[in-house]
Amino acid sequence: FGGDMHIDPALLSPVSALMGALIGGSTTLVAAVYTQRHQDRLQRVASETAKREIVYADFVMSASNLLLNAYTRGTPFAVRYGARWAESRRQQVG
């Protein structure tokens, strides 16, 4: 280890080019994998949000109908069907 190290000047340029290509290629690959994973995550989040919006809209419509029925038919109808509706929603979401 204590000796002089000599690098052949004819090999320096090709070895540097090869190392640069390997490092550049590796960096590109890592960036592509990261980007793809990020896009997949964004798509999953958007899909889950859309599902929740549909369930929420269904909830609002059903609750509105139940409230309207409660005002027109009386409270026992709303209580009876409200419990049945809540149970069906728990099964759909779960």
C-alpha atoms as a PDB file:
ATOM      1  CA  PHE A   1       0.000   0.000   0.000  1.00  0.00           C
ATOM      2  CA  GLY A   2       2.883   2.343   0.544  1.00  0.00           C
ATOM      3  CA  GLY A   3       4.000   2.190  -3.101  1.00  0.00           C
ATOM      4  CA  ASP A   4       3.295   4.630  -5.851  1.00  0.00           C
ATOM      5  CA  MET A   5       0.078   4.100  -7.770  1.00  0.00           C
ATOM      6  CA  HIS A   6       0.218   4.814 -11.450  1.00  0.00           C
ATOM      7  CA  ILE A   7      -2.882   5.103 -13.594  1.00  0.00           C
ATOM      8  CA  ASP A   8      -2.537   4.483 -17.284  1.00  0.00           C
ATOM      9  CA  PRO A   9      -3.779   7.688 -18.974  1.00  0.00           C
ATOM     10  CA  ALA A  10      -5.218   5.649 -21.858  1.00  0.00           C
ATOM     11  CA  LEU A  11      -7.595   3.867 -19.447  1.00  0.00           C
ATOM     12  CA  LEU A  12      -8.621   6.902 -17.418  1.00  0.00           C
ATOM     13  CA  SER A  13     -11.052   8.360 -19.959  1.00  0.00           C
ATOM     14  CA  PRO A  14     -12.931   5.101 -20.805  1.00  0.00           C
ATOM     15  CA  VAL A  15     -13.172   4.067 -17.160  1.00  0.00           C
ATOM     16  CA  SER A  16     -14.499   7.506 -16.203  1.00  0.00           C
ATOM     17  CA  ALA A  17     -17.065   7.362 -19.012  1.00  0.00           C
ATOM     18  CA  LEU A  18     -18.177   3.876 -17.941  1.00  0.00           C
ATOM     19  CA  MET A  19     -18.518   4.893 -14.297  1.00  0.00           C
ATOM     20  CA  GLY A  20     -20.461   8.018 -15.281  1.00  0.00           C
ATOM     21  CA  ALA A  21     -22.838   5.968 -17.433  1.00  0.00           C
ATOM     22  CA  LEU A  22     -23.413   3.468 -14.615  1.00  0.00           C
ATOM     23  CA  ILE A  23     -24.093   6.177 -12.063  1.00  0.00           C
ATOM     24  CA  GLY A  24     -26.348   8.117 -14.445  1.00  0.00           C
ATOM     25  CA  GLY A  25     -28.300   4.980 -15.404  1.00  0.00           C
ATOM     26  CA  SER A  26     -28.740   3.974 -11.791  1.00  0.00           C
ATOM     27  CA  THR A  27     -29.994   7.427 -10.879  1.00  0.00           C
ATOM     28  CA  THR A  28     -32.491   7.372 -13.747  1.00  0.00           C
ATOM     29  CA  LEU A  29     -33.767   3.946 -12.693  1.00  0.00           C
ATOM     30  CA  VAL A  30     -34.214   5.008  -9.071  1.00  0.00           C
ATOM     31  CA  ALA A  31     -36.052   8.167 -10.142  1.00  0.00           C
ATOM     32  CA  ALA A  32     -38.393   6.178 -12.421  1.00  0.00           C
ATOM     33  CA  VAL A  33     -39.227   3.689  -9.662  1.00  0.00           C
ATOM     34  CA  TYR A  34     -39.877   6.490  -7.172  1.00  0.00           C
ATOM     35  CA  THR A  35     -42.102   8.369  -9.641  1.00  0.00           C
ATOM     36  CA  GLN A  36     -44.131   5.253 -10.458  1.00  0.00           C
ATOM     37  CA  ARG A  37     -44.682   4.422  -6.787  1.00  0.00           C
ATOM     38  CA  HIS A  38     -45.768   7.991  -6.092  1.00  0.00           C
ATOM     39  CA  GLN A  39     -48.242   7.945  -9.001  1.00  0.00           C
ATOM     40  CA  ASP A  40     -49.664   4.591  -7.863  1.00  0.00           C
ATOM     41  CA  ARG A  41     -50.188   5.989  -4.374  1.00  0.00           C
ATOM     42  CA  LEU A  42     -51.939   9.072  -5.750  1.00  0.00           C
ATOM     43  CA  GLN A  43     -54.267   6.876  -7.822  1.00  0.00           C
ATOM     44  CA  ARG A  44     -55.129   4.728  -4.786  1.00  0.00           C
ATOM     45  CA  VAL A  45     -55.891   7.828  -2.715  1.00  0.00           C
ATOM     46  CA  ALA A  46     -58.064   9.299  -5.497  1.00  0.00           C
ATOM     47  CA  SER A  47     -59.945   6.013  -5.857  1.00  0.00           C
ATOM     48  CA  GLU A  48     -60.561   5.766  -2.115  1.00  0.00           C
ATOM     49  CA  THR A  49     -61.743   9.381  -2.022  1.00  0.00           C
ATOM     50  CA  ALA A  50     -64.181   8.733  -4.861  1.00  0.00           C
ATOM     51  CA  LYS A  51     -65.585   5.680  -3.051  1.00  0.00           C
ATOM     52  CA  ARG A  52     -66.071   7.690   0.117  1.00  0.00           C
ATOM     53  CA  GLU A  53     -67.788  10.498  -1.774  1.00  0.00           C
ATOM     54  CA  ILE A  54     -70.262   8.009  -3.250  1.00  0.00           C
ATOM     55  CA  VAL A  55     -71.001   6.498   0.150  1.00  0.00           C
ATOM     56  CA  TYR A  56     -71.412   9.963   1.669  1.00  0.00           C
ATOM     57  CA  ALA A  57     -73.757  11.103  -1.118  1.00  0.00           C
ATOM     58  CA  ASP A  58     -75.823   7.940  -0.636  1.00  0.00           C
ATOM     59  CA  PHE A  59     -75.917   8.616   3.090  1.00  0.00           C
ATOM     60  CA  VAL A  60     -77.124  12.178   2.596  1.00  0.00           C
ATOM     61  CA  MET A  61     -79.840  11.112   0.152  1.00  0.00           C
ATOM     62  CA  SER A  62     -81.061   8.299   2.375  1.00  0.00           C
ATOM     63  CA  ALA A  63     -80.989  10.471   5.489  1.00  0.00           C
ATOM     64  CA  SER A  64     -82.931  13.177   3.667  1.00  0.00           C
ATOM     65  CA  ASN A  65     -85.554  10.677   2.569  1.00  0.00           C
ATOM     66  CA  LEU A  66     -85.840   9.292   6.092  1.00  0.00           C
ATOM     67  CA  LEU A  67     -86.213  12.774   7.524  1.00  0.00           C
ATOM     68  CA  LEU A  68     -88.883  13.628   4.985  1.00  0.00           C
ATOM     69  CA  ASN A  69     -90.728  10.407   5.814  1.00  0.00           C
ATOM     70  CA  ALA A  70     -90.403  11.156   9.526  1.00  0.00           C
ATOM     71  CA  TYR A  71     -92.056  14.541   9.047  1.00  0.00           C
ATOM     72  CA  THR A  72     -94.848  13.165   6.878  1.00  0.00           C
ATOM     73  CA  ARG A  73     -95.548   9.829   8.609  1.00  0.00           C
ATOM     74  CA  GLY A  74     -94.404  10.327  12.159  1.00  0.00           C
ATOM     75  CA  THR A  75     -91.366   9.372  14.225  1.00  0.00           C
ATOM     76  CA  PRO A  76     -91.894   5.580  14.660  1.00  0.00           C
ATOM     77  CA  PHE A  77     -91.495   5.051  10.905  1.00  0.00           C
ATOM     78  CA  ALA A  78     -88.198   6.948  10.868  1.00  0.00           C
ATOM     79  CA  VAL A  79     -86.837   5.140  13.909  1.00  0.00           C
ATOM     80  CA  ARG A  80     -87.746   1.697  12.526  1.00  0.00           C
ATOM     81  CA  TYR A  81     -86.290   2.286   9.064  1.00  0.00           C
ATOM     82  CA  GLY A  82     -83.418   4.424  10.318  1.00  0.00           C
ATOM     83  CA  ALA A  83     -82.007   1.521  12.317  1.00  0.00           C
ATOM     84  CA  ARG A  84     -82.399  -0.827   9.347  1.00  0.00           C
ATOM     85  CA  TRP A  85     -80.735   1.714   7.054  1.00  0.00           C
ATOM     86  CA  ALA A  86     -77.808   2.254   9.445  1.00  0.00           C
ATOM     87  CA  GLU A  87     -77.193  -1.495   9.652  1.00  0.00           C
ATOM     88  CA  SER A  88     -77.193  -1.874   5.866  1.00  0.00           C
ATOM     89  CA  ARG A  89     -74.673   0.990   5.534  1.00  0.00           C
ATOM     90  CA  ARG A  90     -72.345  -0.584   8.094  1.00  0.00           C
ATOM     91  CA  GLN A  91     -72.361  -3.799   6.093  1.00  0.00           C
ATOM     92  CA  GLN A  92     -71.655  -2.014   2.805  1.00  0.00           C
ATOM     93  CA  VAL A  93     -68.800   0.109   4.097  1.00  0.00           C
ATOM     94  CA  GLY A  94     -67.236  -2.635   6.224  1.00  0.00           C
END
